[in-house]
Amino acid sequence: MANQSSLSESVVSSYEDLRDSRDSSEADLCGIGNTARKAIRFLNEEANFRHWESVPDRDFFVFEPNGWDGDKGELSRLIRPDLMITDDTQYNHLWQEVRDKTRGQSDSLSHPRLEEIIYTTVISYASTKDMLTGGSDRKSTGNFLEIVVENLIKSVTGLSIGGKITVTENFDVPVDIHVYREGDGDRKLALPTKMSLRERSSQPYVHHFLLDAGSKEYDVSEFKTALFVVSDYQRYKDTVQLTTTPDQISLYQKYLAPIDSFYFLDKNKTLEDGSPFPSSKGKDLEIKSYKEFFEDDLPEYADWIKNGQG
């Protein structure tokens, strides 16, 4: 899109405010909701939502600019219409319900439409940026995913959020997010977050390998890793391409450094049908949903961080 409208500028401004205040100890769920709501309005007013391609068990749509001239660089990423909330008023109401439920839930976040709400929050902003930048802005879309995940965890558990992990002097491991208890460095949960794995599926495993090695060599913190991915379906010419490589994940899980959990928003058919990835060093890896993380697994991780249990 050649020119940015006042509405698209408002989306970008809302994101930049979130980015600039990211180091705050307070969760900003209001700012996240405002950014997504504005993005949904932009997509409704300045784009057309249309079918792109069907694959087994699901359809994919895209957003295209009003009066689209056929330039595929102006299209959004693939959208799951069954997960996307396209009414900004309805979304605003549902996000407010999520905000209300983050208070006093004993480290758990439960909502019957949680998967749709998180998906819409992340994808609405990412789709807006796709249309404004021709899909070239991977940094802010990835950062926004991190901001959503870390703020929900921060609000629900009260635990602290950080970036890279310092194992010991001159031993830093770059991670997108890690969760820990302030003043207690014994247990840390690393959370690599990816819009798509593409060729980067090895990165979380390499980082966890380093954390595990550092923990054993220097007898410091315990570490667990939970990987968050949005989707590995992408547009390719006029069809849909799958970028996940389950065979590689299986090898990393079995022989490199097994991570603890793996969560997908848009889990692909290959992973849905497959058995858990086996590990020679611990429990098998199952592919789960974000909803399962926030409702079921987060309380266990929080208890492990706080008390060494779980």
Protein backbone atom coordinates (compact mmCIF):
# COMPACT_ATOMS: atom_id res chain seq x y z
CA MET A 1 0.00 0.00 0.00
CA ALA A 2 1.60 3.23 -1.13
CA ASN A 3 0.30 5.59 1.53
CA GLN A 4 -0.48 5.00 5.17
CA SER A 5 -3.88 6.13 6.42
CA SER A 6 -4.47 7.75 9.79
CA LEU A 7 -5.90 4.41 11.00
CA SER A 8 -2.83 2.42 9.96
CA GLU A 9 -0.60 5.06 11.54
CA SER A 10 -2.61 4.62 14.75
CA VAL A 11 -1.92 0.86 14.70
CA VAL A 12 1.80 1.45 14.27
CA SER A 13 1.82 4.12 17.00
CA SER A 14 0.03 1.82 19.45
CA TYR A 15 2.58 -0.93 18.79
CA GLU A 16 5.49 1.48 19.26
CA ASP A 17 4.10 2.58 22.63
CA LEU A 18 3.97 -1.08 23.69
CA ARG A 19 7.50 -1.71 22.42
CA ASP A 20 8.91 1.33 24.22
CA SER A 21 7.33 0.36 27.55
CA ARG A 22 8.20 -3.32 27.29
CA ASP A 23 10.66 -3.34 30.18
CA SER A 24 8.02 -2.14 32.64
CA SER A 25 7.19 -4.48 35.50
CA GLU A 26 3.48 -3.84 34.91
CA ALA A 27 1.54 -5.79 32.30
CA ASP A 28 -0.13 -3.67 29.61
CA LEU A 29 -3.03 -5.81 28.42
CA CYS A 30 -5.01 -2.65 27.66
CA GLY A 31 -2.36 -1.48 25.20
CA ILE A 32 -2.24 -4.89 23.50
CA GLY A 33 -6.01 -4.95 23.10
CA ASN A 34 -6.07 -1.41 21.70
CA THR A 35 -3.41 -2.28 19.12
CA ALA A 36 -5.28 -5.38 17.95
CA ARG A 37 -8.65 -3.61 17.91
CA LYS A 38 -7.26 -0.82 15.74
CA ALA A 39 -5.67 -3.39 13.44
CA ILE A 40 -9.00 -5.20 13.03
CA ARG A 41 -10.69 -1.90 12.18
CA PHE A 42 -7.99 -1.14 9.62
CA LEU A 43 -8.44 -4.55 8.00
CA ASN A 44 -12.22 -4.14 7.93
CA GLU A 45 -12.19 -0.65 6.46
CA GLU A 46 -9.26 -0.80 4.07
CA ALA A 47 -9.08 -4.45 2.98
CA ASN A 48 -11.16 -7.26 1.57
CA PHE A 49 -11.21 -10.66 3.31
CA ARG A 50 -11.30 -13.43 0.73
CA HIS A 51 -10.68 -17.13 0.28
CA TRP A 52 -7.18 -18.12 -0.80
CA GLU A 53 -6.88 -21.92 -0.74
CA SER A 54 -8.25 -25.00 1.00
CA VAL A 55 -6.10 -27.80 2.42
CA PRO A 56 -7.31 -30.91 4.27
CA ASP A 57 -9.56 -29.93 7.20
CA ARG A 58 -9.13 -26.16 6.90
CA ASP A 59 -9.55 -23.13 4.69
CA PHE A 60 -7.22 -20.18 4.39
CA PHE A 61 -8.17 -16.59 3.63
CA VAL A 62 -6.10 -13.45 3.03
CA PHE A 63 -6.66 -9.72 3.36
CA GLU A 64 -6.13 -7.71 0.18
CA PRO A 65 -6.25 -3.90 -0.15
CA ASN A 66 -9.47 -2.38 -1.42
CA GLY A 67 -9.07 -1.96 -5.18
CA TRP A 68 -6.23 -4.50 -5.21
CA ASP A 69 -4.26 -4.43 -8.48
CA GLY A 70 -2.93 -8.01 -8.29
CA ASP A 71 0.42 -7.31 -6.57
CA LYS A 72 0.82 -10.30 -4.21
CA GLY A 73 3.30 -8.32 -2.15
CA GLU A 74 0.36 -6.29 -0.81
CA LEU A 75 -1.52 -9.33 0.54
CA SER A 76 -1.57 -10.40 4.16
CA ARG A 77 -0.27 -13.72 5.41
CA LEU A 78 -2.63 -16.71 5.43
CA ILE A 79 -5.56 -16.42 7.83
CA ARG A 80 -7.60 -19.16 9.48
CA PRO A 81 -11.18 -17.78 9.26
CA ASP A 82 -12.34 -20.20 11.97
CA LEU A 83 -9.84 -18.61 14.39
CA MET A 84 -10.00 -14.97 13.24
CA ILE A 85 -12.43 -12.56 14.95
CA THR A 86 -13.16 -9.92 12.30
CA ASP A 87 -15.54 -7.71 14.30
CA ASP A 88 -13.56 -5.19 16.36
CA THR A 89 -16.43 -4.59 18.81
CA GLN A 90 -16.77 -8.30 19.51
CA TYR A 91 -13.01 -8.64 19.84
CA ASN A 92 -12.84 -5.72 22.27
CA HIS A 93 -15.51 -7.36 24.45
CA LEU A 94 -13.71 -10.73 24.43
CA TRP A 95 -10.30 -9.19 25.18
CA GLN A 96 -11.84 -7.35 28.14
CA GLU A 97 -13.11 -10.71 29.41
CA VAL A 98 -9.56 -12.09 29.15
CA ARG A 99 -8.20 -9.07 31.02
CA ASP A 100 -10.74 -9.61 33.78
CA LYS A 101 -9.85 -13.31 34.02
CA THR A 102 -6.12 -12.67 34.43
CA ARG A 103 -6.74 -11.37 37.94
CA GLY A 104 -6.78 -13.92 40.74
CA GLN A 105 -6.83 -17.16 38.76
CA SER A 106 -4.02 -18.95 40.60
CA ASP A 107 -1.54 -18.79 37.72
CA SER A 108 -4.11 -20.09 35.22
CA LEU A 109 -5.97 -18.31 32.42
CA SER A 110 -9.15 -19.94 31.15
CA HIS A 111 -11.62 -18.73 28.53
CA PRO A 112 -13.71 -20.86 26.12
CA ARG A 113 -12.47 -18.82 23.13
CA LEU A 114 -8.92 -18.19 24.32
CA GLU A 115 -7.31 -19.72 21.22
CA GLU A 116 -9.33 -17.45 18.88
CA ILE A 117 -8.65 -14.39 21.01
CA ILE A 118 -4.88 -14.86 21.10
CA TYR A 119 -4.77 -15.80 17.41
CA THR A 120 -6.75 -12.69 16.43
CA THR A 121 -4.61 -10.46 18.64
CA VAL A 122 -1.36 -11.61 17.03
CA ILE A 123 -2.57 -12.07 13.44
CA SER A 124 -4.49 -8.80 13.16
CA TYR A 125 -1.35 -6.76 13.83
CA ALA A 126 0.84 -9.04 11.68
CA SER A 127 -1.61 -8.84 8.74
CA THR A 128 -1.75 -5.06 8.98
CA LYS A 129 2.04 -4.86 8.85
CA ASP A 130 2.12 -7.32 5.93
CA MET A 131 -0.08 -4.99 3.91
CA LEU A 132 1.84 -1.87 4.89
CA THR A 133 5.33 -3.25 4.31
CA GLY A 134 4.89 -5.97 1.70
CA GLY A 135 5.59 -8.64 4.30
CA SER A 136 9.10 -7.33 4.99
CA ASP A 137 8.56 -6.40 8.65
CA ARG A 138 9.28 -9.65 10.45
CA LYS A 139 10.88 -7.94 13.44
CA SER A 140 7.89 -6.03 14.83
CA THR A 141 5.43 -8.88 14.16
CA GLY A 142 7.69 -11.25 16.08
CA ASN A 143 8.15 -8.69 18.85
CA PHE A 144 4.40 -8.23 19.12
CA LEU A 145 3.95 -11.99 19.62
CA GLU A 146 6.53 -11.84 22.42
CA ILE A 147 4.75 -8.89 24.01
CA VAL A 148 1.39 -10.69 23.98
CA VAL A 149 2.76 -13.91 25.49
CA GLU A 150 4.91 -12.27 28.14
CA ASN A 151 2.22 -9.80 29.26
CA LEU A 152 -0.38 -12.53 29.68
CA ILE A 153 2.07 -14.60 31.74
CA LYS A 154 3.14 -11.58 33.77
CA SER A 155 -0.46 -10.61 34.51
CA VAL A 156 -1.58 -14.11 35.48
CA THR A 157 1.41 -15.24 37.56
CA GLY A 158 3.09 -12.06 38.80
CA LEU A 159 6.44 -13.59 37.85
CA SER A 160 9.23 -11.53 36.31
CA ILE A 161 10.03 -11.49 32.59
CA GLY A 162 13.45 -11.09 31.02
CA GLY A 163 15.30 -11.44 27.74
CA LYS A 164 18.68 -13.13 27.40
CA ILE A 165 19.71 -15.46 30.21
CA THR A 166 23.02 -14.98 32.00
CA VAL A 167 24.14 -18.43 33.15
CA THR A 168 27.35 -17.15 34.70
CA GLU A 169 30.00 -14.53 33.90
CA ASN A 170 30.72 -14.43 30.14
CA PHE A 171 28.04 -17.06 29.51
CA ASP A 172 24.91 -15.45 28.05
CA VAL A 173 22.26 -17.29 26.04
CA PRO A 174 19.95 -15.19 23.82
CA VAL A 175 16.29 -16.14 24.31
CA ASP A 176 13.16 -14.24 23.33
CA ILE A 177 11.56 -14.43 26.78
CA HIS A 178 12.36 -16.09 30.06
CA VAL A 179 10.20 -16.30 33.16
CA TYR A 180 11.69 -16.28 36.66
CA ARG A 181 11.07 -15.32 40.25
CA GLU A 182 12.63 -12.02 41.29
CA GLY A 183 15.49 -12.59 43.72
CA ASP A 184 15.53 -16.34 43.08
CA GLY A 185 17.73 -17.50 40.21
CA ASP A 186 17.30 -21.23 40.79
CA ARG A 187 14.66 -21.98 38.15
CA LYS A 188 14.00 -20.26 34.82
CA LEU A 189 11.61 -21.01 31.96
CA ALA A 190 12.90 -20.03 28.50
CA LEU A 191 10.19 -19.20 25.95
CA PRO A 192 11.38 -18.96 22.34
CA THR A 193 8.52 -17.49 20.28
CA LYS A 194 8.30 -17.75 16.50
CA MET A 195 5.71 -16.57 14.00
CA SER A 196 6.97 -19.47 11.85
CA LEU A 197 9.79 -21.96 12.25
CA ARG A 198 10.91 -22.07 8.62
CA GLU A 199 14.61 -23.00 8.77
CA ARG A 200 14.97 -21.91 12.40
CA SER A 201 13.67 -25.00 14.18
CA SER A 202 17.18 -25.79 15.47
CA GLN A 203 17.59 -22.48 17.32
CA PRO A 204 15.47 -23.27 20.43
CA TYR A 205 17.21 -26.63 20.75
CA VAL A 206 20.69 -25.14 20.47
CA HIS A 207 19.88 -22.51 23.08
CA HIS A 208 18.44 -25.13 25.42
CA PHE A 209 21.53 -27.30 24.87
CA LEU A 210 23.69 -24.36 26.01
CA LEU A 211 21.47 -23.68 29.04
CA ASP A 212 21.56 -27.35 30.02
CA ALA A 213 25.34 -27.54 29.57
CA GLY A 214 25.89 -24.36 31.58
CA SER A 215 23.64 -25.57 34.38
CA LYS A 216 25.61 -28.80 34.72
CA GLU A 217 29.09 -27.31 34.37
CA TYR A 218 28.59 -24.37 36.73
CA ASP A 219 25.97 -25.92 39.03
CA VAL A 220 23.65 -22.92 38.68
CA SER A 221 20.02 -22.48 37.68
CA GLU A 222 17.67 -25.16 36.44
CA PHE A 223 16.19 -24.44 33.01
CA LYS A 224 13.19 -25.57 31.03
CA THR A 225 12.25 -24.52 27.50
CA ALA A 226 8.76 -24.17 26.02
CA LEU A 227 8.56 -23.26 22.33
CA PHE A 228 5.71 -21.07 20.98
CA VAL A 229 4.94 -20.99 17.24
CA VAL A 230 2.02 -19.32 15.47
CA SER A 231 1.81 -21.16 12.14
CA ASP A 232 3.93 -22.90 9.55
CA TYR A 233 1.52 -22.45 6.66
CA GLN A 234 2.54 -19.73 4.23
CA ARG A 235 1.53 -18.35 0.84
CA TYR A 236 3.54 -19.75 -2.04
CA LYS A 237 2.62 -18.43 -5.51
CA ASP A 238 -1.11 -19.24 -5.75
CA THR A 239 -1.25 -22.01 -3.18
CA VAL A 240 -0.30 -22.98 0.40
CA GLN A 241 3.10 -24.23 1.49
CA LEU A 242 3.97 -26.02 4.74
CA THR A 243 7.37 -25.17 6.22
CA THR A 244 7.57 -27.42 9.29
CA THR A 245 10.09 -30.27 9.15
CA PRO A 246 8.93 -32.87 11.70
CA ASP A 247 11.86 -35.19 10.96
CA GLN A 248 14.33 -32.51 12.00
CA ILE A 249 12.39 -31.72 15.17
CA SER A 250 12.36 -35.40 16.01
CA LEU A 251 16.15 -35.61 15.65
CA TYR A 252 16.72 -32.48 17.76
CA GLN A 253 14.37 -33.76 20.44
CA LYS A 254 15.98 -37.18 20.59
CA TYR A 255 19.67 -36.39 20.19
CA LEU A 256 20.39 -32.70 20.87
CA ALA A 257 18.65 -31.31 23.94
CA PRO A 258 14.97 -32.17 24.50
CA ILE A 259 12.80 -29.16 25.19
CA ASP A 260 9.94 -29.45 27.65
CA SER A 261 6.92 -28.29 25.62
CA PHE A 262 5.88 -27.13 22.14
CA TYR A 263 2.80 -24.94 21.52
CA PHE A 264 1.16 -24.03 18.19
CA LEU A 265 -1.68 -21.62 17.44
CA ASP A 266 -2.25 -23.06 13.96
CA LYS A 267 -1.03 -26.63 14.32
CA ASN A 268 -0.55 -28.29 10.94
CA LYS A 269 -2.11 -31.59 9.90
CA THR A 270 1.20 -33.49 9.96
CA LEU A 271 1.75 -32.61 13.61
CA GLU A 272 -1.88 -33.29 14.53
CA ASP A 273 -1.72 -36.82 13.13
CA GLY A 274 1.76 -37.68 14.36
CA SER A 275 2.66 -39.37 17.62
CA PRO A 276 4.65 -37.43 20.26
CA PHE A 277 8.29 -36.80 19.40
CA PRO A 278 10.35 -39.31 21.41
CA SER A 279 13.25 -38.29 23.60
CA SER A 280 16.14 -40.39 24.83
CA LYS A 281 16.67 -38.04 27.80
CA GLY A 282 13.22 -37.37 29.22
CA LYS A 283 9.53 -37.26 28.48
CA ASP A 284 8.25 -37.35 24.91
CA LEU A 285 7.40 -34.02 23.32
CA GLU A 286 3.74 -33.41 22.50
CA ILE A 287 2.50 -30.58 20.29
CA LYS A 288 -0.11 -28.62 22.25
CA SER A 289 -2.22 -25.48 21.89
CA TYR A 290 -1.69 -22.08 23.51
CA LYS A 291 -4.98 -22.68 25.33
CA GLU A 292 -3.50 -25.81 26.94
CA PHE A 293 -0.48 -23.80 28.04
CA PHE A 294 -2.42 -21.01 29.75
CA GLU A 295 -5.13 -23.23 31.23
CA ASP A 296 -3.19 -26.34 32.24
CA ASP A 297 0.59 -26.07 31.94
CA LEU A 298 1.31 -22.53 33.13
CA PRO A 299 0.22 -23.26 36.74
CA GLU A 300 2.68 -26.17 36.80
CA TYR A 301 5.51 -24.07 35.41
CA ALA A 302 4.72 -21.26 37.87
CA ASP A 303 4.76 -23.72 40.78
CA TRP A 304 8.07 -25.11 39.59
CA ILE A 305 9.59 -21.60 39.36
CA LYS A 306 8.25 -20.52 42.73
CA ASN A 307 8.56 -23.72 44.76
CA GLY A 308 10.58 -26.23 42.77
CA GLN A 309 7.49 -28.36 42.22
CA GLY A 310 5.95 -29.47 38.92
